[in-house]
Amino acid sequence: MSKRDPLRPYMNVIDDMLAQMFREDPSFKPQGGQLGENDMDYDTDEKSMAKLRRHLRNAREEYYRYKR
């Protein structure tokens, strides 16, 4: 995504969430998991970026729930 893309601030939030996960848990290694048919089907609009962030937040919560 270009630095001048109007949706770049949304992507930065998602990048920051991942960076925080790496800092909190150095053993965290994203492996893709089981991708469904629509898992990578995100448009480039605010609604889609919000959906991607929500999915990441849910995946992070599930990861830490099983890690305990």
PDB file of N, CA and C in Angstrom:
ATOM      1  N   MET A   1       0.853  -1.173   0.000  1.00  0.00           N
ATOM      2  CA  MET A   1       0.000   0.000   0.000  1.00  0.00           C
ATOM      3  C   MET A   1       0.897   1.233   0.000  1.00  0.00           C
ATOM      4  N   SER A   2       0.599   2.134  -0.882  1.00  0.00           N
ATOM      5  CA  SER A   2       1.372   3.364  -1.016  1.00  0.00           C
ATOM      6  C   SER A   2       1.272   4.224   0.251  1.00  0.00           C
ATOM      7  N   LYS A   3       2.330   4.951   0.538  1.00  0.00           N
ATOM      8  CA  LYS A   3       2.314   5.860   1.692  1.00  0.00           C
ATOM      9  C   LYS A   3       1.307   6.989   1.508  1.00  0.00           C
ATOM     10  N   ARG A   4       0.944   7.273   0.268  1.00  0.00           N
ATOM     11  CA  ARG A   4      -0.002   8.349  -0.006  1.00  0.00           C
ATOM     12  C   ARG A   4      -1.434   7.854  -0.154  1.00  0.00           C
ATOM     13  N   ASP A   5      -1.630   6.581  -0.018  1.00  0.00           N
ATOM     14  CA  ASP A   5      -2.977   6.015  -0.117  1.00  0.00           C
ATOM     15  C   ASP A   5      -3.842   6.592   0.993  1.00  0.00           C
ATOM     16  N   PRO A   6      -5.052   7.016   0.696  1.00  0.00           N
ATOM     17  CA  PRO A   6      -5.915   7.597   1.741  1.00  0.00           C
ATOM     18  C   PRO A   6      -6.266   6.605   2.849  1.00  0.00           C
ATOM     19  N   LEU A   7      -6.128   5.317   2.575  1.00  0.00           N
ATOM     20  CA  LEU A   7      -6.424   4.311   3.596  1.00  0.00           C
ATOM     21  C   LEU A   7      -5.186   3.888   4.383  1.00  0.00           C
ATOM     22  N   ARG A   8      -4.052   4.499   4.092  1.00  0.00           N
ATOM     23  CA  ARG A   8      -2.811   4.145   4.783  1.00  0.00           C
ATOM     24  C   ARG A   8      -2.925   4.255   6.304  1.00  0.00           C
ATOM     25  N   PRO A   9      -3.585   5.264   6.868  1.00  0.00           N
ATOM     26  CA  PRO A   9      -3.710   5.333   8.335  1.00  0.00           C
ATOM     27  C   PRO A   9      -4.392   4.088   8.924  1.00  0.00           C
ATOM     28  N   TYR A  10      -5.349   3.524   8.213  1.00  0.00           N
ATOM     29  CA  TYR A  10      -6.023   2.316   8.693  1.00  0.00           C
ATOM     30  C   TYR A  10      -5.063   1.126   8.682  1.00  0.00           C
ATOM     31  N   MET A  11      -4.257   1.034   7.621  1.00  0.00           N
ATOM     32  CA  MET A  11      -3.293  -0.045   7.538  1.00  0.00           C
ATOM     33  C   MET A  11      -2.222   0.110   8.606  1.00  0.00           C
ATOM     34  N   ASN A  12      -1.864   1.348   8.934  1.00  0.00           N
ATOM     35  CA  ASN A  12      -0.890   1.586   9.993  1.00  0.00           C
ATOM     36  C   ASN A  12      -1.387   1.051  11.332  1.00  0.00           C
ATOM     37  N   VAL A  13      -2.681   1.199  11.609  1.00  0.00           N
ATOM     38  CA  VAL A  13      -3.259   0.670  12.849  1.00  0.00           C
ATOM     39  C   VAL A  13      -3.102  -0.846  12.879  1.00  0.00           C
ATOM     40  N   ILE A  14      -3.370  -1.493  11.760  1.00  0.00           N
ATOM     41  CA  ILE A  14      -3.243  -2.949  11.682  1.00  0.00           C
ATOM     42  C   ILE A  14      -1.786  -3.358  11.851  1.00  0.00           C
ATOM     43  N   ASP A  15      -0.857  -2.652  11.192  1.00  0.00           N
ATOM     44  CA  ASP A  15       0.574  -2.939  11.347  1.00  0.00           C
ATOM     45  C   ASP A  15       1.018  -2.785  12.792  1.00  0.00           C
ATOM     46  N   ASP A  16       0.522  -1.738  13.462  1.00  0.00           N
ATOM     47  CA  ASP A  16       0.878  -1.508  14.862  1.00  0.00           C
ATOM     48  C   ASP A  16       0.377  -2.632  15.762  1.00  0.00           C
ATOM     49  N   MET A  17      -0.816  -3.158  15.460  1.00  0.00           N
ATOM     50  CA  MET A  17      -1.348  -4.272  16.256  1.00  0.00           C
ATOM     51  C   MET A  17      -0.429  -5.482  16.141  1.00  0.00           C
ATOM     52  N   LEU A  18       0.026  -5.783  14.929  1.00  0.00           N
ATOM     53  CA  LEU A  18       0.930  -6.923  14.734  1.00  0.00           C
ATOM     54  C   LEU A  18       2.274  -6.682  15.412  1.00  0.00           C
ATOM     55  N   ALA A  19       2.797  -5.476  15.293  1.00  0.00           N
ATOM     56  CA  ALA A  19       4.074  -5.161  15.933  1.00  0.00           C
ATOM     57  C   ALA A  19       3.973  -5.323  17.445  1.00  0.00           C
ATOM     58  N   GLN A  20       2.858  -4.918  18.023  1.00  0.00           N
ATOM     59  CA  GLN A  20       2.659  -5.073  19.462  1.00  0.00           C
ATOM     60  C   GLN A  20       2.635  -6.544  19.847  1.00  0.00           C
ATOM     61  N   MET A  21       1.998  -7.379  19.028  1.00  0.00           N
ATOM     62  CA  MET A  21       1.968  -8.821  19.314  1.00  0.00           C
ATOM     63  C   MET A  21       3.386  -9.388  19.307  1.00  0.00           C
ATOM     64  N   PHE A  22       4.218  -8.968  18.364  1.00  0.00           N
ATOM     65  CA  PHE A  22       5.601  -9.445  18.307  1.00  0.00           C
ATOM     66  C   PHE A  22       6.392  -9.000  19.530  1.00  0.00           C
ATOM     67  N   ARG A  23       6.163  -7.758  19.976  1.00  0.00           N
ATOM     68  CA  ARG A  23       6.874  -7.264  21.170  1.00  0.00           C
ATOM     69  C   ARG A  23       6.439  -8.006  22.425  1.00  0.00           C
ATOM     70  N   GLU A  24       5.143  -8.265  22.563  1.00  0.00           N
ATOM     71  CA  GLU A  24       4.626  -8.914  23.762  1.00  0.00           C
ATOM     72  C   GLU A  24       4.983 -10.395  23.815  1.00  0.00           C
ATOM     73  N   ASP A  25       5.112 -11.023  22.659  1.00  0.00           N
ATOM     74  CA  ASP A  25       5.362 -12.460  22.616  1.00  0.00           C
ATOM     75  C   ASP A  25       6.345 -12.774  21.491  1.00  0.00           C
ATOM     76  N   PRO A  26       7.647 -12.776  21.795  1.00  0.00           N
ATOM     77  CA  PRO A  26       8.647 -13.039  20.753  1.00  0.00           C
ATOM     78  C   PRO A  26       8.488 -14.415  20.087  1.00  0.00           C
ATOM     79  N   SER A  27       7.797 -15.321  20.729  1.00  0.00           N
ATOM     80  CA  SER A  27       7.605 -16.644  20.129  1.00  0.00           C
ATOM     81  C   SER A  27       6.459 -16.655  19.120  1.00  0.00           C
ATOM     82  N   PHE A  28       5.735 -15.539  19.013  1.00  0.00           N
ATOM     83  CA  PHE A  28       4.615 -15.444  18.070  1.00  0.00           C
ATOM     84  C   PHE A  28       5.132 -15.552  16.642  1.00  0.00           C
ATOM     85  N   LYS A  29       4.628 -16.537  15.921  1.00  0.00           N
ATOM     86  CA  LYS A  29       5.015 -16.749  14.528  1.00  0.00           C
ATOM     87  C   LYS A  29       3.755 -16.934  13.703  1.00  0.00           C
ATOM     88  N   PRO A  30       3.312 -15.899  12.988  1.00  0.00           N
ATOM     89  CA  PRO A  30       2.115 -16.055  12.161  1.00  0.00           C
ATOM     90  C   PRO A  30       2.349 -17.116  11.090  1.00  0.00           C
ATOM     91  N   GLN A  31       1.398 -18.026  10.967  1.00  0.00           N
ATOM     92  CA  GLN A  31       1.571 -19.129  10.035  1.00  0.00           C
ATOM     93  C   GLN A  31       0.437 -19.243   9.032  1.00  0.00           C
ATOM     94  N   GLY A  32      -0.424 -18.262   8.988  1.00  0.00           N
ATOM     95  CA  GLY A  32      -1.481 -18.299   7.994  1.00  0.00           C
ATOM     96  C   GLY A  32      -2.689 -19.098   8.412  1.00  0.00           C
ATOM     97  N   GLY A  33      -2.492 -20.164   9.140  1.00  0.00           N
ATOM     98  CA  GLY A  33      -3.627 -20.977   9.576  1.00  0.00           C
ATOM     99  C   GLY A  33      -4.384 -21.555   8.409  1.00  0.00           C
ATOM    100  N   GLN A  34      -5.653 -21.742   8.606  1.00  0.00           N
ATOM    101  CA  GLN A  34      -6.492 -22.280   7.551  1.00  0.00           C
ATOM    102  C   GLN A  34      -7.254 -21.134   6.904  1.00  0.00           C
ATOM    103  N   LEU A  35      -6.844 -20.775   5.718  1.00  0.00           N
ATOM    104  CA  LEU A  35      -7.494 -19.673   5.020  1.00  0.00           C
ATOM    105  C   LEU A  35      -8.729 -20.183   4.306  1.00  0.00           C
ATOM    106  N   GLY A  36      -9.804 -19.463   4.504  1.00  0.00           N
ATOM    107  CA  GLY A  36     -11.035 -19.781   3.798  1.00  0.00           C
ATOM    108  C   GLY A  36     -11.078 -19.076   2.454  1.00  0.00           C
ATOM    109  N   GLU A  37     -12.087 -19.351   1.698  1.00  0.00           N
ATOM    110  CA  GLU A  37     -12.208 -18.805   0.349  1.00  0.00           C
ATOM    111  C   GLU A  37     -12.230 -17.276   0.342  1.00  0.00           C
ATOM    112  N   ASN A  38     -12.846 -16.665   1.357  1.00  0.00           N
ATOM    113  CA  ASN A  38     -12.994 -15.206   1.378  1.00  0.00           C
ATOM    114  C   ASN A  38     -12.065 -14.507   2.361  1.00  0.00           C
ATOM    115  N   ASP A  39     -11.122 -15.221   2.955  1.00  0.00           N
ATOM    116  CA  ASP A  39     -10.278 -14.624   3.983  1.00  0.00           C
ATOM    117  C   ASP A  39      -9.390 -13.494   3.479  1.00  0.00           C
ATOM    118  N   MET A  40      -8.974 -13.550   2.242  1.00  0.00           N
ATOM    119  CA  MET A  40      -8.102 -12.515   1.709  1.00  0.00           C
ATOM    120  C   MET A  40      -8.860 -11.567   0.777  1.00  0.00           C
ATOM    121  N   ASP A  41     -10.167 -11.611   0.834  1.00  0.00           N
ATOM    122  CA  ASP A  41     -11.002 -10.816  -0.058  1.00  0.00           C
ATOM    123  C   ASP A  41     -11.402  -9.515   0.630  1.00  0.00           C
ATOM    124  N   TYR A  42     -10.477  -8.543   0.645  1.00  0.00           N
ATOM    125  CA  TYR A  42     -10.740  -7.252   1.262  1.00  0.00           C
ATOM    126  C   TYR A  42     -10.646  -6.169   0.199  1.00  0.00           C
ATOM    127  N   ASP A  43     -11.662  -5.330   0.149  1.00  0.00           N
ATOM    128  CA  ASP A  43     -11.612  -4.191  -0.752  1.00  0.00           C
ATOM    129  C   ASP A  43     -10.776  -3.100  -0.110  1.00  0.00           C
ATOM    130  N   THR A  44     -10.492  -2.083  -0.872  1.00  0.00           N
ATOM    131  CA  THR A  44      -9.713  -0.971  -0.322  1.00  0.00           C
ATOM    132  C   THR A  44     -10.652   0.184   0.003  1.00  0.00           C
ATOM    133  N   ASP A  45     -11.435  -0.010   1.058  1.00  0.00           N
ATOM    134  CA  ASP A  45     -12.292   1.055   1.558  1.00  0.00           C
ATOM    135  C   ASP A  45     -12.297   0.987   3.080  1.00  0.00           C
ATOM    136  N   GLU A  46     -12.851   2.004   3.712  1.00  0.00           N
ATOM    137  CA  GLU A  46     -12.823   2.075   5.175  1.00  0.00           C
ATOM    138  C   GLU A  46     -13.528   0.896   5.822  1.00  0.00           C
ATOM    139  N   LYS A  47     -14.644   0.486   5.258  1.00  0.00           N
ATOM    140  CA  LYS A  47     -15.408  -0.627   5.823  1.00  0.00           C
ATOM    141  C   LYS A  47     -14.587  -1.919   5.805  1.00  0.00           C
ATOM    142  N   SER A  48     -13.882  -2.167   4.716  1.00  0.00           N
ATOM    143  CA  SER A  48     -13.070  -3.376   4.608  1.00  0.00           C
ATOM    144  C   SER A  48     -11.876  -3.345   5.555  1.00  0.00           C
ATOM    145  N   MET A  49     -11.266  -2.147   5.718  1.00  0.00           N
ATOM    146  CA  MET A  49     -10.144  -2.025   6.646  1.00  0.00           C
ATOM    147  C   MET A  49     -10.625  -2.270   8.079  1.00  0.00           C
ATOM    148  N   ALA A  50     -11.812  -1.792   8.408  1.00  0.00           N
ATOM    149  CA  ALA A  50     -12.378  -2.026   9.736  1.00  0.00           C
ATOM    150  C   ALA A  50     -12.646  -3.516   9.934  1.00  0.00           C
ATOM    151  N   LYS A  51     -13.122  -4.174   8.902  1.00  0.00           N
ATOM    152  CA  LYS A  51     -13.385  -5.621   8.973  1.00  0.00           C
ATOM    153  C   LYS A  51     -12.079  -6.390   9.177  1.00  0.00           C
ATOM    154  N   LEU A  52     -11.036  -6.012   8.456  1.00  0.00           N
ATOM    155  CA  LEU A  52      -9.733  -6.655   8.610  1.00  0.00           C
ATOM    156  C   LEU A  52      -9.197  -6.461  10.021  1.00  0.00           C
ATOM    157  N   ARG A  53      -9.333  -5.245  10.551  1.00  0.00           N
ATOM    158  CA  ARG A  53      -8.868  -4.961  11.920  1.00  0.00           C
ATOM    159  C   ARG A  53      -9.650  -5.796  12.939  1.00  0.00           C
ATOM    160  N   ARG A  54     -10.963  -5.901  12.738  1.00  0.00           N
ATOM    161  CA  ARG A  54     -11.796  -6.700  13.638  1.00  0.00           C
ATOM    162  C   ARG A  54     -11.375  -8.171  13.600  1.00  0.00           C
ATOM    163  N   HIS A  55     -11.098  -8.693  12.419  1.00  0.00           N
ATOM    164  CA  HIS A  55     -10.655 -10.092  12.300  1.00  0.00           C
ATOM    165  C   HIS A  55      -9.306 -10.299  12.979  1.00  0.00           C
ATOM    166  N   LEU A  56      -8.409  -9.342  12.826  1.00  0.00           N
ATOM    167  CA  LEU A  56      -7.108  -9.440  13.483  1.00  0.00           C
ATOM    168  C   LEU A  56      -7.265  -9.400  14.998  1.00  0.00           C
ATOM    169  N   ARG A  57      -8.115  -8.500  15.492  1.00  0.00           N
ATOM    170  CA  ARG A  57      -8.343  -8.402  16.940  1.00  0.00           C
ATOM    171  C   ARG A  57      -8.905  -9.713  17.481  1.00  0.00           C
ATOM    172  N   ASN A  58      -9.865 -10.305  16.771  1.00  0.00           N
ATOM    173  CA  ASN A  58     -10.439 -11.581  17.202  1.00  0.00           C
ATOM    174  C   ASN A  58      -9.405 -12.696  17.168  1.00  0.00           C
ATOM    175  N   ALA A  59      -8.563 -12.720  16.129  1.00  0.00           N
ATOM    176  CA  ALA A  59      -7.522 -13.740  16.030  1.00  0.00           C
ATOM    177  C   ALA A  59      -6.513 -13.591  17.157  1.00  0.00           C
ATOM    178  N   ARG A  60      -6.177 -12.323  17.503  1.00  0.00           N
ATOM    179  CA  ARG A  60      -5.234 -12.075  18.598  1.00  0.00           C
ATOM    180  C   ARG A  60      -5.804 -12.569  19.919  1.00  0.00           C
ATOM    181  N   GLU A  61      -7.078 -12.282  20.168  1.00  0.00           N
ATOM    182  CA  GLU A  61      -7.714 -12.737  21.407  1.00  0.00           C
ATOM    183  C   GLU A  61      -7.741 -14.259  21.478  1.00  0.00           C
ATOM    184  N   GLU A  62      -8.050 -14.894  20.376  1.00  0.00           N
ATOM    185  CA  GLU A  62      -8.088 -16.363  20.346  1.00  0.00           C
ATOM    186  C   GLU A  62      -6.690 -16.942  20.573  1.00  0.00           C
ATOM    187  N   TYR A  63      -5.684 -16.333  19.978  1.00  0.00           N
ATOM    188  CA  TYR A  63      -4.298 -16.790  20.143  1.00  0.00           C
ATOM    189  C   TYR A  63      -3.900 -16.761  21.607  1.00  0.00           C
ATOM    190  N   TYR A  64      -4.150 -15.628  22.274  1.00  0.00           N
ATOM    191  CA  TYR A  64      -3.761 -15.513  23.679  1.00  0.00           C
ATOM    192  C   TYR A  64      -4.615 -16.390  24.581  1.00  0.00           C
ATOM    193  N   ARG A  65      -5.853 -16.643  24.212  1.00  0.00           N
ATOM    194  CA  ARG A  65      -6.709 -17.516  25.001  1.00  0.00           C
ATOM    195  C   ARG A  65      -6.155 -18.938  25.005  1.00  0.00           C
ATOM    196  N   TYR A  66      -5.694 -19.416  23.859  1.00  0.00           N
ATOM    197  CA  TYR A  66      -5.167 -20.777  23.764  1.00  0.00           C
ATOM    198  C   TYR A  66      -3.746 -20.878  24.271  1.00  0.00           C
ATOM    199  N   LYS A  67      -3.023 -19.769  24.278  1.00  0.00           N
ATOM    200  CA  LYS A  67      -1.636 -19.779  24.729  1.00  0.00           C
ATOM    201  C   LYS A  67      -1.526 -19.924  26.252  1.00  0.00           C
ATOM    202  N   ARG A  68      -2.548 -19.488  26.973  1.00  0.00           N
ATOM    203  CA  ARG A  68      -2.485 -19.530  28.451  1.00  0.00           C
ATOM    204  C   ARG A  68      -2.491 -20.916  28.991  1.00  0.00           C
TER     205      ARG A  68
END
